[in-house]
N, C-alpha and C. Protein backbone atom coordinates (compact mmCIF):
# COMPACT_ATOMS: atom_id res chain seq x y z
N MET A 1 -75.19 59.65 -57.13
CA MET A 1 -75.11 60.69 -58.13
C MET A 1 -73.69 60.73 -58.66
N ALA A 2 -73.51 60.61 -59.91
CA ALA A 2 -72.18 60.59 -60.53
C ALA A 2 -71.72 62.01 -60.81
N ILE A 3 -70.45 62.26 -60.65
CA ILE A 3 -69.85 63.55 -60.95
C ILE A 3 -69.24 63.45 -62.33
N SER A 4 -69.72 64.25 -63.26
CA SER A 4 -69.22 64.17 -64.63
C SER A 4 -67.78 64.64 -64.67
N GLY A 5 -67.00 63.95 -65.43
CA GLY A 5 -65.60 64.31 -65.60
C GLY A 5 -64.70 63.85 -64.48
N SER A 6 -65.22 63.12 -63.51
CA SER A 6 -64.39 62.72 -62.38
C SER A 6 -63.43 61.59 -62.74
N LEU A 7 -63.78 60.74 -63.69
CA LEU A 7 -62.90 59.65 -64.06
C LEU A 7 -61.58 60.16 -64.63
N PRO A 8 -61.59 61.11 -65.58
CA PRO A 8 -60.30 61.62 -66.08
C PRO A 8 -59.49 62.29 -64.96
N PHE A 9 -60.19 62.95 -64.04
CA PHE A 9 -59.51 63.59 -62.92
C PHE A 9 -58.77 62.55 -62.08
N PHE A 10 -59.45 61.46 -61.74
CA PHE A 10 -58.82 60.44 -60.92
C PHE A 10 -57.71 59.71 -61.68
N ILE A 11 -57.86 59.57 -62.98
CA ILE A 11 -56.78 58.97 -63.77
C ILE A 11 -55.55 59.86 -63.71
N PHE A 12 -55.78 61.19 -63.82
CA PHE A 12 -54.66 62.12 -63.72
C PHE A 12 -53.98 62.00 -62.36
N ILE A 13 -54.78 62.00 -61.28
CA ILE A 13 -54.21 61.92 -59.94
C ILE A 13 -53.44 60.61 -59.77
N PHE A 14 -54.02 59.50 -60.22
CA PHE A 14 -53.35 58.21 -60.12
C PHE A 14 -52.03 58.25 -60.87
N THR A 15 -52.05 58.78 -62.10
CA THR A 15 -50.83 58.88 -62.90
C THR A 15 -49.82 59.78 -62.21
N PHE A 16 -50.28 60.89 -61.66
CA PHE A 16 -49.40 61.81 -60.95
C PHE A 16 -48.67 61.10 -59.82
N PHE A 17 -49.41 60.37 -59.00
CA PHE A 17 -48.80 59.69 -57.87
C PHE A 17 -47.88 58.55 -58.32
N ILE A 18 -48.25 57.83 -59.36
CA ILE A 18 -47.39 56.76 -59.86
C ILE A 18 -46.08 57.34 -60.39
N CYS A 19 -46.19 58.41 -61.17
CA CYS A 19 -44.99 59.02 -61.75
C CYS A 19 -44.03 59.50 -60.67
N PHE A 20 -44.59 60.10 -59.62
CA PHE A 20 -43.73 60.66 -58.59
C PHE A 20 -43.37 59.69 -57.49
N SER A 21 -44.01 58.53 -57.46
CA SER A 21 -43.70 57.58 -56.39
C SER A 21 -42.30 56.99 -56.55
N THR A 22 -41.75 57.06 -57.75
CA THR A 22 -40.42 56.53 -57.95
C THR A 22 -39.34 57.60 -57.85
N SER A 23 -39.78 58.85 -57.71
CA SER A 23 -38.79 59.93 -57.60
C SER A 23 -38.64 60.36 -56.15
N SER A 24 -37.65 61.15 -55.91
CA SER A 24 -37.39 61.63 -54.57
C SER A 24 -37.99 63.02 -54.41
N PHE A 25 -38.82 63.19 -53.37
CA PHE A 25 -39.40 64.49 -53.10
C PHE A 25 -38.52 65.22 -52.11
N THR A 26 -38.49 66.52 -52.24
CA THR A 26 -37.79 67.33 -51.26
C THR A 26 -38.80 68.19 -50.55
N SER A 27 -38.53 68.49 -49.34
CA SER A 27 -39.42 69.30 -48.54
C SER A 27 -39.37 70.74 -49.01
N SER A 28 -40.44 71.47 -48.74
CA SER A 28 -40.48 72.87 -49.10
C SER A 28 -39.60 73.69 -48.17
N SER A 29 -39.21 73.13 -47.07
CA SER A 29 -38.32 73.79 -46.13
C SER A 29 -37.04 72.98 -46.02
N PRO A 30 -35.88 73.60 -46.22
CA PRO A 30 -34.65 72.83 -46.24
C PRO A 30 -34.31 72.14 -44.94
N ASP A 31 -34.83 72.61 -43.80
CA ASP A 31 -34.46 71.99 -42.54
C ASP A 31 -35.45 70.94 -42.08
N LEU A 32 -36.46 70.63 -42.88
CA LEU A 32 -37.42 69.59 -42.52
C LEU A 32 -37.40 68.49 -43.55
N ASN A 33 -37.27 67.24 -43.09
CA ASN A 33 -37.47 66.16 -44.06
C ASN A 33 -38.97 65.96 -44.22
N SER A 34 -39.36 65.16 -45.17
CA SER A 34 -40.77 65.04 -45.53
C SER A 34 -41.63 64.50 -44.40
N SER A 35 -41.14 63.51 -43.66
CA SER A 35 -41.91 62.99 -42.54
C SER A 35 -42.11 64.07 -41.48
N GLN A 36 -41.10 64.88 -41.28
CA GLN A 36 -41.24 65.97 -40.32
C GLN A 36 -42.26 66.99 -40.80
N LEU A 37 -42.33 67.23 -42.10
CA LEU A 37 -43.30 68.16 -42.64
C LEU A 37 -44.71 67.65 -42.37
N ALA A 38 -44.96 66.40 -42.64
CA ALA A 38 -46.28 65.82 -42.38
C ALA A 38 -46.60 65.89 -40.88
N THR A 39 -45.63 65.59 -40.05
CA THR A 39 -45.83 65.66 -38.60
C THR A 39 -46.09 67.09 -38.16
N GLN A 40 -45.38 68.04 -38.74
CA GLN A 40 -45.59 69.46 -38.43
C GLN A 40 -47.02 69.86 -38.77
N ILE A 41 -47.50 69.42 -39.90
CA ILE A 41 -48.88 69.72 -40.30
C ILE A 41 -49.84 69.17 -39.25
N CYS A 42 -49.64 67.93 -38.88
CA CYS A 42 -50.55 67.28 -37.93
C CYS A 42 -50.52 67.94 -36.55
N GLU A 43 -49.38 68.45 -36.17
CA GLU A 43 -49.29 69.14 -34.88
C GLU A 43 -50.08 70.43 -34.88
N ASN A 44 -50.47 70.90 -36.04
CA ASN A 44 -51.28 72.11 -36.16
C ASN A 44 -52.76 71.80 -36.37
N THR A 45 -53.16 70.59 -36.00
CA THR A 45 -54.56 70.19 -36.07
C THR A 45 -55.03 69.79 -34.68
N PRO A 46 -56.33 69.85 -34.44
CA PRO A 46 -56.84 69.46 -33.12
C PRO A 46 -56.73 67.97 -32.81
N ASN A 47 -56.72 67.13 -33.84
CA ASN A 47 -56.70 65.68 -33.64
C ASN A 47 -55.45 65.12 -34.34
N VAL A 48 -54.33 65.20 -33.65
CA VAL A 48 -53.04 64.81 -34.22
C VAL A 48 -53.03 63.36 -34.66
N SER A 49 -53.57 62.46 -33.86
CA SER A 49 -53.52 61.04 -34.22
C SER A 49 -54.36 60.76 -35.46
N PHE A 50 -55.52 61.38 -35.58
CA PHE A 50 -56.34 61.22 -36.79
C PHE A 50 -55.57 61.73 -38.00
N CYS A 51 -54.95 62.87 -37.85
CA CYS A 51 -54.18 63.47 -38.95
C CYS A 51 -53.04 62.57 -39.38
N LEU A 52 -52.26 62.09 -38.43
CA LEU A 52 -51.13 61.21 -38.77
C LEU A 52 -51.62 59.94 -39.47
N ALA A 53 -52.69 59.35 -38.94
CA ALA A 53 -53.23 58.14 -39.56
C ALA A 53 -53.72 58.42 -40.98
N THR A 54 -54.35 59.56 -41.17
CA THR A 54 -54.86 59.93 -42.50
C THR A 54 -53.72 60.15 -43.48
N ILE A 55 -52.79 60.99 -43.11
CA ILE A 55 -51.70 61.31 -44.04
C ILE A 55 -50.85 60.09 -44.33
N PHE A 56 -50.45 59.37 -43.29
CA PHE A 56 -49.54 58.25 -43.50
C PHE A 56 -50.24 56.99 -43.99
N SER A 57 -51.57 57.05 -44.19
CA SER A 57 -52.24 55.93 -44.85
C SER A 57 -51.88 55.91 -46.34
N ASN A 58 -51.39 57.01 -46.84
CA ASN A 58 -50.92 57.09 -48.22
C ASN A 58 -49.42 56.81 -48.22
N PRO A 59 -48.97 55.83 -48.98
CA PRO A 59 -47.54 55.47 -48.97
C PRO A 59 -46.62 56.58 -49.47
N LEU A 60 -47.16 57.55 -50.17
CA LEU A 60 -46.33 58.65 -50.68
C LEU A 60 -46.08 59.73 -49.63
N ALA A 61 -46.80 59.69 -48.55
CA ALA A 61 -46.73 60.77 -47.56
C ALA A 61 -45.36 60.93 -46.92
N SER A 62 -44.69 59.85 -46.65
CA SER A 62 -43.41 59.96 -45.95
C SER A 62 -42.33 60.63 -46.79
N ALA A 63 -42.53 60.71 -48.09
CA ALA A 63 -41.55 61.37 -48.97
C ALA A 63 -42.15 62.58 -49.68
N ALA A 64 -43.28 63.08 -49.19
CA ALA A 64 -44.01 64.13 -49.90
C ALA A 64 -43.61 65.53 -49.45
N ASP A 65 -43.62 66.44 -50.41
CA ASP A 65 -43.47 67.85 -50.10
C ASP A 65 -44.86 68.45 -49.88
N ARG A 66 -44.93 69.76 -49.68
CA ARG A 66 -46.22 70.39 -49.38
C ARG A 66 -47.22 70.22 -50.52
N TYR A 67 -46.75 70.21 -51.73
CA TYR A 67 -47.62 70.07 -52.90
C TYR A 67 -48.28 68.69 -52.91
N VAL A 68 -47.51 67.66 -52.73
CA VAL A 68 -48.05 66.29 -52.72
C VAL A 68 -48.92 66.08 -51.48
N LEU A 69 -48.51 66.64 -50.35
CA LEU A 69 -49.35 66.54 -49.16
C LEU A 69 -50.70 67.22 -49.39
N SER A 70 -50.70 68.31 -50.13
CA SER A 70 -51.95 68.98 -50.46
C SER A 70 -52.85 68.05 -51.27
N TYR A 71 -52.26 67.38 -52.26
CA TYR A 71 -53.03 66.41 -53.05
C TYR A 71 -53.57 65.29 -52.17
N ILE A 72 -52.75 64.82 -51.27
CA ILE A 72 -53.17 63.71 -50.41
C ILE A 72 -54.36 64.12 -49.56
N VAL A 73 -54.26 65.24 -48.84
CA VAL A 73 -55.32 65.58 -47.89
C VAL A 73 -56.57 66.12 -48.58
N PHE A 74 -56.41 66.98 -49.57
CA PHE A 74 -57.60 67.47 -50.27
C PHE A 74 -58.25 66.33 -51.07
N GLY A 75 -57.43 65.42 -51.59
CA GLY A 75 -57.96 64.25 -52.29
C GLY A 75 -58.75 63.35 -51.35
N GLN A 76 -58.25 63.18 -50.12
CA GLN A 76 -58.98 62.39 -49.12
C GLN A 76 -60.32 63.05 -48.79
N ALA A 77 -60.30 64.37 -48.64
CA ALA A 77 -61.54 65.09 -48.33
C ALA A 77 -62.55 64.94 -49.48
N TYR A 78 -62.06 65.05 -50.71
CA TYR A 78 -62.92 64.89 -51.88
C TYR A 78 -63.51 63.48 -51.92
N LYS A 79 -62.68 62.50 -51.69
CA LYS A 79 -63.13 61.10 -51.70
C LYS A 79 -64.17 60.87 -50.59
N ASN A 80 -63.92 61.41 -49.42
CA ASN A 80 -64.85 61.27 -48.31
C ASN A 80 -66.18 61.93 -48.62
N ALA A 81 -66.14 63.15 -49.15
CA ALA A 81 -67.37 63.88 -49.47
C ALA A 81 -68.17 63.14 -50.54
N THR A 82 -67.49 62.62 -51.53
CA THR A 82 -68.16 61.89 -52.61
C THR A 82 -68.81 60.61 -52.07
N SER A 83 -68.09 59.90 -51.25
CA SER A 83 -68.61 58.66 -50.66
C SER A 83 -69.84 58.95 -49.79
N THR A 84 -69.76 59.99 -48.98
CA THR A 84 -70.90 60.33 -48.12
C THR A 84 -72.09 60.79 -48.96
N ASN A 85 -71.83 61.54 -50.01
CA ASN A 85 -72.92 61.98 -50.88
C ASN A 85 -73.60 60.77 -51.54
N ASN A 86 -72.82 59.80 -51.95
CA ASN A 86 -73.39 58.57 -52.52
C ASN A 86 -74.24 57.84 -51.47
N TYR A 87 -73.74 57.79 -50.24
CA TYR A 87 -74.48 57.17 -49.14
C TYR A 87 -75.81 57.90 -48.91
N ILE A 88 -75.77 59.22 -48.95
CA ILE A 88 -76.99 60.01 -48.77
C ILE A 88 -77.99 59.68 -49.88
N GLY A 89 -77.51 59.63 -51.11
CA GLY A 89 -78.39 59.31 -52.24
C GLY A 89 -79.06 57.96 -52.09
N LEU A 90 -78.28 56.96 -51.70
CA LEU A 90 -78.86 55.62 -51.49
C LEU A 90 -79.84 55.61 -50.33
N SER A 91 -79.50 56.33 -49.27
CA SER A 91 -80.39 56.40 -48.11
C SER A 91 -81.71 57.08 -48.47
N LEU A 92 -81.62 58.14 -49.25
CA LEU A 92 -82.84 58.84 -49.66
C LEU A 92 -83.75 57.94 -50.50
N LYS A 93 -83.16 57.18 -51.38
CA LYS A 93 -83.96 56.25 -52.19
C LYS A 93 -84.67 55.23 -51.30
N ALA A 94 -83.97 54.75 -50.28
CA ALA A 94 -84.52 53.73 -49.40
C ALA A 94 -85.62 54.27 -48.50
N MET A 95 -85.58 55.55 -48.16
CA MET A 95 -86.56 56.07 -47.20
C MET A 95 -87.63 56.95 -47.82
N LYS A 96 -87.68 57.07 -49.13
CA LYS A 96 -88.67 57.94 -49.78
C LYS A 96 -90.10 57.61 -49.37
N SER A 97 -90.44 56.34 -49.29
CA SER A 97 -91.84 55.98 -49.05
C SER A 97 -92.22 55.95 -47.57
N ASP A 98 -91.33 55.53 -46.71
CA ASP A 98 -91.73 55.36 -45.31
C ASP A 98 -90.70 55.90 -44.32
N GLY A 99 -89.92 56.86 -44.72
CA GLY A 99 -88.90 57.39 -43.82
C GLY A 99 -89.46 58.44 -42.87
N ASN A 100 -88.76 58.64 -41.80
CA ASN A 100 -89.08 59.67 -40.83
C ASN A 100 -88.96 61.02 -41.54
N PRO A 101 -90.01 61.85 -41.52
CA PRO A 101 -89.98 63.12 -42.25
C PRO A 101 -88.84 64.05 -41.81
N ARG A 102 -88.51 64.06 -40.51
CA ARG A 102 -87.42 64.90 -40.01
C ARG A 102 -86.08 64.44 -40.58
N VAL A 103 -85.86 63.14 -40.59
CA VAL A 103 -84.62 62.59 -41.12
C VAL A 103 -84.57 62.76 -42.64
N LEU A 104 -85.68 62.52 -43.29
CA LEU A 104 -85.75 62.69 -44.73
C LEU A 104 -85.41 64.12 -45.13
N SER A 105 -85.98 65.08 -44.44
CA SER A 105 -85.71 66.50 -44.72
C SER A 105 -84.23 66.83 -44.48
N GLY A 106 -83.69 66.34 -43.38
CA GLY A 106 -82.27 66.57 -43.08
C GLY A 106 -81.36 65.96 -44.12
N MET A 107 -81.68 64.75 -44.56
CA MET A 107 -80.86 64.09 -45.58
C MET A 107 -80.91 64.86 -46.90
N GLN A 108 -82.10 65.36 -47.26
CA GLN A 108 -82.22 66.13 -48.50
C GLN A 108 -81.39 67.40 -48.44
N LYS A 109 -81.42 68.08 -47.30
CA LYS A 109 -80.61 69.28 -47.13
C LYS A 109 -79.12 68.93 -47.20
N CYS A 110 -78.76 67.84 -46.54
CA CYS A 110 -77.35 67.42 -46.54
C CYS A 110 -76.86 67.07 -47.94
N GLN A 111 -77.73 66.49 -48.73
CA GLN A 111 -77.33 66.17 -50.10
C GLN A 111 -76.89 67.44 -50.83
N GLY A 112 -77.62 68.52 -50.65
CA GLY A 112 -77.24 69.79 -51.26
C GLY A 112 -75.93 70.32 -50.70
N PHE A 113 -75.76 70.21 -49.38
CA PHE A 113 -74.51 70.67 -48.76
C PHE A 113 -73.31 69.85 -49.27
N TYR A 114 -73.51 68.55 -49.40
CA TYR A 114 -72.41 67.70 -49.87
C TYR A 114 -72.12 67.95 -51.35
N GLU A 115 -73.13 68.22 -52.14
CA GLU A 115 -72.88 68.55 -53.55
C GLU A 115 -72.08 69.83 -53.66
N ASP A 116 -72.38 70.83 -52.80
CA ASP A 116 -71.59 72.06 -52.76
C ASP A 116 -70.15 71.77 -52.35
N ALA A 117 -69.99 70.90 -51.35
CA ALA A 117 -68.66 70.54 -50.87
C ALA A 117 -67.85 69.85 -51.96
N ILE A 118 -68.48 68.96 -52.69
CA ILE A 118 -67.79 68.24 -53.77
C ILE A 118 -67.35 69.21 -54.86
N ARG A 119 -68.22 70.14 -55.20
CA ARG A 119 -67.84 71.15 -56.22
C ARG A 119 -66.64 71.97 -55.75
N ALA A 120 -66.67 72.40 -54.50
CA ALA A 120 -65.58 73.22 -53.97
C ALA A 120 -64.28 72.42 -53.92
N LEU A 121 -64.35 71.18 -53.48
CA LEU A 121 -63.14 70.35 -53.39
C LEU A 121 -62.62 69.99 -54.78
N SER A 122 -63.52 69.79 -55.72
CA SER A 122 -63.10 69.54 -57.10
C SER A 122 -62.37 70.75 -57.65
N GLU A 123 -62.87 71.94 -57.35
CA GLU A 123 -62.20 73.16 -57.78
C GLU A 123 -60.81 73.27 -57.16
N VAL A 124 -60.69 72.92 -55.90
CA VAL A 124 -59.38 72.93 -55.24
C VAL A 124 -58.42 71.99 -55.96
N MET A 125 -58.90 70.79 -56.26
CA MET A 125 -58.03 69.82 -56.94
C MET A 125 -57.61 70.34 -58.31
N ASN A 126 -58.53 70.98 -59.03
CA ASN A 126 -58.18 71.58 -60.32
C ASN A 126 -57.17 72.71 -60.14
N ASN A 127 -57.33 73.50 -59.07
CA ASN A 127 -56.36 74.56 -58.79
C ASN A 127 -54.99 73.97 -58.48
N LEU A 128 -54.96 72.88 -57.75
CA LEU A 128 -53.67 72.23 -57.48
C LEU A 128 -53.04 71.73 -58.78
N ASP A 129 -53.88 71.22 -59.68
CA ASP A 129 -53.36 70.78 -60.99
C ASP A 129 -52.67 71.93 -61.71
N SER A 130 -53.21 73.13 -61.59
CA SER A 130 -52.63 74.28 -62.27
C SER A 130 -51.67 75.06 -61.37
N GLU A 131 -51.31 74.45 -60.25
CA GLU A 131 -50.38 75.04 -59.28
C GLU A 131 -50.85 76.41 -58.80
N THR A 132 -52.15 76.50 -58.56
CA THR A 132 -52.75 77.70 -57.99
C THR A 132 -53.09 77.37 -56.54
N PHE A 133 -52.42 78.05 -55.62
CA PHE A 133 -52.57 77.70 -54.21
C PHE A 133 -53.37 78.73 -53.43
N TYR A 134 -53.68 79.84 -54.04
CA TYR A 134 -54.44 80.88 -53.36
C TYR A 134 -55.85 80.37 -53.06
N GLY A 135 -56.30 80.58 -51.85
CA GLY A 135 -57.66 80.23 -51.48
C GLY A 135 -57.87 78.82 -50.96
N LEU A 136 -56.80 78.04 -50.81
CA LEU A 136 -56.96 76.69 -50.26
C LEU A 136 -57.54 76.76 -48.85
N ASP A 137 -57.06 77.72 -48.07
CA ASP A 137 -57.54 77.87 -46.70
C ASP A 137 -59.03 78.23 -46.67
N LYS A 138 -59.43 79.16 -47.50
CA LYS A 138 -60.84 79.57 -47.56
C LYS A 138 -61.73 78.41 -48.00
N ALA A 139 -61.27 77.65 -48.96
CA ALA A 139 -62.06 76.50 -49.43
C ALA A 139 -62.26 75.50 -48.30
N ALA A 140 -61.21 75.22 -47.53
CA ALA A 140 -61.33 74.28 -46.42
C ALA A 140 -62.34 74.78 -45.38
N ILE A 141 -62.29 76.07 -45.09
CA ILE A 141 -63.23 76.66 -44.11
C ILE A 141 -64.65 76.63 -44.64
N ASP A 142 -64.83 77.00 -45.92
CA ASP A 142 -66.16 77.02 -46.51
C ASP A 142 -66.80 75.63 -46.55
N VAL A 143 -66.01 74.64 -46.92
CA VAL A 143 -66.54 73.27 -46.98
C VAL A 143 -66.88 72.80 -45.56
N GLU A 144 -66.03 73.11 -44.60
CA GLU A 144 -66.33 72.73 -43.22
C GLU A 144 -67.64 73.36 -42.76
N SER A 145 -67.87 74.61 -43.12
CA SER A 145 -69.13 75.29 -42.75
C SER A 145 -70.33 74.57 -43.36
N SER A 146 -70.20 74.12 -44.60
CA SER A 146 -71.29 73.38 -45.25
C SER A 146 -71.59 72.08 -44.52
N ILE A 147 -70.54 71.40 -44.10
CA ILE A 147 -70.74 70.11 -43.42
C ILE A 147 -71.34 70.33 -42.04
N ARG A 148 -70.93 71.38 -41.37
CA ARG A 148 -71.54 71.70 -40.07
C ARG A 148 -73.02 72.08 -40.26
N ALA A 149 -73.35 72.76 -41.35
CA ALA A 149 -74.74 73.09 -41.64
C ALA A 149 -75.55 71.82 -41.91
N CYS A 150 -74.93 70.86 -42.56
CA CYS A 150 -75.58 69.57 -42.79
C CYS A 150 -75.94 68.95 -41.44
N GLU A 151 -75.00 68.91 -40.55
CA GLU A 151 -75.23 68.30 -39.23
C GLU A 151 -76.36 69.04 -38.50
N ALA A 152 -76.36 70.35 -38.57
CA ALA A 152 -77.36 71.16 -37.88
C ALA A 152 -78.75 71.01 -38.50
N SER A 153 -78.82 70.59 -39.74
CA SER A 153 -80.12 70.50 -40.42
C SER A 153 -81.01 69.40 -39.86
N PHE A 154 -80.49 68.55 -39.02
CA PHE A 154 -81.29 67.46 -38.45
C PHE A 154 -82.02 67.87 -37.17
N SER A 155 -81.64 68.96 -36.56
CA SER A 155 -82.29 69.43 -35.33
C SER A 155 -82.40 68.29 -34.31
N GLY A 156 -81.35 67.60 -34.15
CA GLY A 156 -81.33 66.47 -33.21
C GLY A 156 -80.34 65.43 -33.70
N GLN A 157 -80.63 64.19 -33.37
CA GLN A 157 -79.75 63.08 -33.74
C GLN A 157 -79.63 62.96 -35.25
N SER A 158 -78.41 63.00 -35.74
CA SER A 158 -78.15 62.88 -37.17
C SER A 158 -77.58 61.51 -37.50
N PRO A 159 -78.12 60.86 -38.54
CA PRO A 159 -77.55 59.59 -38.96
C PRO A 159 -76.20 59.77 -39.68
N LEU A 160 -75.82 61.01 -39.91
CA LEU A 160 -74.56 61.31 -40.61
C LEU A 160 -73.48 61.85 -39.67
N SER A 161 -73.74 61.85 -38.38
CA SER A 161 -72.80 62.49 -37.44
C SER A 161 -71.37 62.00 -37.61
N GLN A 162 -71.15 60.72 -37.64
CA GLN A 162 -69.78 60.20 -37.74
C GLN A 162 -69.15 60.57 -39.08
N LYS A 163 -69.90 60.45 -40.15
CA LYS A 163 -69.39 60.80 -41.48
C LYS A 163 -69.08 62.30 -41.54
N ASN A 164 -69.97 63.12 -40.99
CA ASN A 164 -69.73 64.56 -40.97
C ASN A 164 -68.49 64.90 -40.15
N GLN A 165 -68.36 64.27 -39.00
CA GLN A 165 -67.21 64.54 -38.14
C GLN A 165 -65.90 64.13 -38.81
N ASN A 166 -65.90 63.01 -39.50
CA ASN A 166 -64.69 62.58 -40.21
C ASN A 166 -64.29 63.59 -41.27
N LEU A 167 -65.27 64.11 -42.01
CA LEU A 167 -64.94 65.10 -43.04
C LEU A 167 -64.46 66.40 -42.41
N VAL A 168 -65.07 66.81 -41.31
CA VAL A 168 -64.62 68.02 -40.62
C VAL A 168 -63.16 67.85 -40.18
N GLU A 169 -62.82 66.68 -39.66
CA GLU A 169 -61.42 66.43 -39.25
C GLU A 169 -60.48 66.49 -40.46
N LEU A 170 -60.91 65.93 -41.58
CA LEU A 170 -60.10 66.01 -42.81
C LEU A 170 -59.92 67.46 -43.25
N LEU A 171 -60.96 68.25 -43.13
CA LEU A 171 -60.88 69.65 -43.54
C LEU A 171 -59.96 70.46 -42.64
N LYS A 172 -59.86 70.08 -41.40
CA LYS A 172 -58.90 70.73 -40.50
C LYS A 172 -57.46 70.43 -40.95
N ILE A 173 -57.25 69.23 -41.45
CA ILE A 173 -55.93 68.88 -42.01
C ILE A 173 -55.70 69.69 -43.28
N CYS A 174 -56.71 69.80 -44.11
CA CYS A 174 -56.60 70.60 -45.34
C CYS A 174 -56.22 72.03 -45.00
N PHE A 175 -56.86 72.59 -43.98
CA PHE A 175 -56.55 73.96 -43.58
C PHE A 175 -55.10 74.06 -43.11
N ALA A 176 -54.65 73.09 -42.32
CA ALA A 176 -53.26 73.11 -41.84
C ALA A 176 -52.27 73.05 -43.01
N VAL A 177 -52.55 72.22 -44.01
CA VAL A 177 -51.68 72.14 -45.20
C VAL A 177 -51.71 73.47 -45.95
N SER A 178 -52.86 74.08 -46.04
CA SER A 178 -52.96 75.35 -46.79
C SER A 178 -52.11 76.43 -46.16
N GLN A 179 -51.83 76.31 -44.88
CA GLN A 179 -51.02 77.30 -44.19
C GLN A 179 -49.54 77.23 -44.59
N LEU A 180 -49.16 76.19 -45.33
CA LEU A 180 -47.78 76.08 -45.81
C LEU A 180 -47.52 77.00 -47.01
N TYR A 181 -48.58 77.55 -47.57
CA TYR A 181 -48.45 78.42 -48.75
C TYR A 181 -48.57 79.87 -48.33
N GLN A 182 -47.70 80.69 -48.88
CA GLN A 182 -47.75 82.13 -48.64
C GLN A 182 -48.54 82.79 -49.76
N TYR A 183 -49.53 83.56 -49.39
CA TYR A 183 -50.34 84.27 -50.39
C TYR A 183 -49.91 85.72 -50.41
N ASN A 184 -49.26 86.12 -51.47
CA ASN A 184 -48.86 87.53 -51.62
C ASN A 184 -49.30 88.06 -52.93
């Protein structure tokens, strides 16, 4: 399932990262360099090694401030959710005629949960574009709840368990990054 308007969004993000990859980022806190900021974020997640691998898989992370780190982690979550939703769509097409009814029903429910997650993460990315940081934490929690509901919809073994768990871990990083913003 294609998301309308996503190509211009990704072009903007790509351009944003290219433009800033040649400049020097400063940390939002004067006593932390950028690598320390990313490490600080990861230390506030349950899976530090997953967080470090995720953040530092982006070459801009070592020089990123909280704003760029927000783009990195919420962008990763959006990409993951979109990829999983595409996987669900292809799986549903393959099992329409002879699939296990329990799995088919769970996949159909998950497709709805992932579409909700994609909408929410797209809204977050648009908010970041307009430098609106309020509600990042709530969005991360809400999307995580949707993905947990997806997992629970199988009432047993889920073929999406690993994909769901990876997105949940990404959302925990998103939540940790959102804590860098003060909402007043």
